[in-house]
Amino acid sequence: MSVDLDRTRPIWRQIAAIIVGRIEDGTYPAGSKVPSVVDISTEFEVAASTAQKVLRHLKDEGLVRAEVGLGTFVQEQPKS
């Protein structure tokens, strides 16, 4: 699946927004694994450093948690 990204805005922010959307729509439900750096790099045709920035941003926002050796998973969100 090819995703058209606007090359006039930061690519990593656009990719992060896409992944956030997937978390919100249930594509990646709480507790599920999100794509790895390699998977993000391949899907969006970006450098690994860009994919790492996406995952770091999602972690900083509290949306995902990284487990060494296992991957990155969607964080359970508190009920509103």
Protein backbone atom coordinates (compact mmCIF):
# COMPACT_ATOMS: atom_id res chain seq x y z
CA MET A 1 0.00 0.00 0.00
CA SER A 2 1.44 3.34 -1.04
CA VAL A 3 0.80 6.45 1.02
CA ASP A 4 1.19 9.89 -0.53
CA LEU A 5 3.08 12.19 1.80
CA ASP A 6 3.28 15.96 1.47
CA ARG A 7 6.98 16.64 0.95
CA THR A 8 6.53 20.25 2.13
CA ARG A 9 5.82 19.22 5.75
CA PRO A 10 7.93 17.07 8.11
CA ILE A 11 7.54 13.50 6.90
CA TRP A 12 7.92 11.99 10.37
CA ARG A 13 4.99 14.05 11.68
CA GLN A 14 2.77 12.88 8.83
CA ILE A 15 3.69 9.24 9.43
CA ALA A 16 3.12 9.65 13.17
CA ALA A 17 -0.33 11.12 12.44
CA ILE A 18 -1.16 8.13 10.22
CA ILE A 19 -0.15 5.68 12.93
CA VAL A 20 -2.11 7.65 15.56
CA GLY A 21 -5.12 7.43 13.25
CA ARG A 22 -4.66 3.68 13.00
CA ILE A 23 -4.50 3.42 16.80
CA GLU A 24 -7.66 5.50 17.13
CA ASP A 25 -9.60 3.54 14.49
CA GLY A 26 -8.64 0.20 16.03
CA THR A 27 -6.27 -0.98 13.30
CA TYR A 28 -3.72 -1.22 16.13
CA PRO A 29 -5.78 -1.91 19.26
CA ALA A 30 -4.43 -1.45 22.79
CA GLY A 31 -1.77 -4.03 23.56
CA SER A 32 -1.07 -4.83 19.92
CA LYS A 33 2.29 -4.46 18.27
CA VAL A 34 2.87 -1.44 16.02
CA PRO A 35 5.11 -1.64 12.96
CA SER A 36 8.84 -1.83 13.56
CA VAL A 37 11.41 0.67 12.29
CA VAL A 38 12.03 -1.62 9.30
CA ASP A 39 8.30 -1.98 8.59
CA ILE A 40 7.71 1.79 8.77
CA SER A 41 10.76 2.45 6.60
CA THR A 42 9.51 -0.01 4.00
CA GLU A 43 5.84 1.05 4.00
CA PHE A 44 6.53 4.78 3.79
CA GLU A 45 9.82 4.56 1.85
CA VAL A 46 11.75 6.59 4.42
CA ALA A 47 15.09 6.24 6.17
CA ALA A 48 15.33 4.18 9.35
CA SER A 49 16.22 7.36 11.27
CA THR A 50 12.87 8.87 10.23
CA ALA A 51 11.02 5.76 11.37
CA GLN A 52 12.89 5.86 14.69
CA LYS A 53 11.83 9.48 15.14
CA VAL A 54 8.17 8.47 14.57
CA LEU A 55 8.31 5.74 17.21
CA ARG A 56 10.18 7.99 19.67
CA HIS A 57 7.49 10.69 19.23
CA LEU A 58 4.66 8.18 19.80
CA LYS A 59 6.44 6.94 22.93
CA ASP A 60 6.97 10.50 24.19
CA GLU A 61 3.25 11.15 23.67
CA GLY A 62 2.41 8.08 25.78
CA LEU A 63 0.69 6.25 22.93
CA VAL A 64 3.11 3.33 22.73
CA ARG A 65 5.59 1.53 24.93
CA ALA A 66 8.79 -0.18 23.84
CA GLU A 67 9.78 -3.56 25.22
CA VAL A 68 13.40 -4.41 24.58
CA GLY A 69 13.71 -7.45 22.35
CA LEU A 70 9.96 -7.67 21.78
CA GLY A 71 8.91 -4.52 19.93
CA THR A 72 6.69 -1.52 20.38
CA PHE A 73 3.11 -1.89 21.59
CA VAL A 74 0.03 0.33 21.81
CA GLN A 75 -0.34 1.61 25.34
CA GLU A 76 -3.61 1.08 27.20
CA GLN A 77 -5.34 4.46 27.43
CA PRO A 78 -7.23 5.49 30.55
CA LYS A 79 -11.01 5.49 30.18
CA SER A 80 -12.47 8.98 29.86
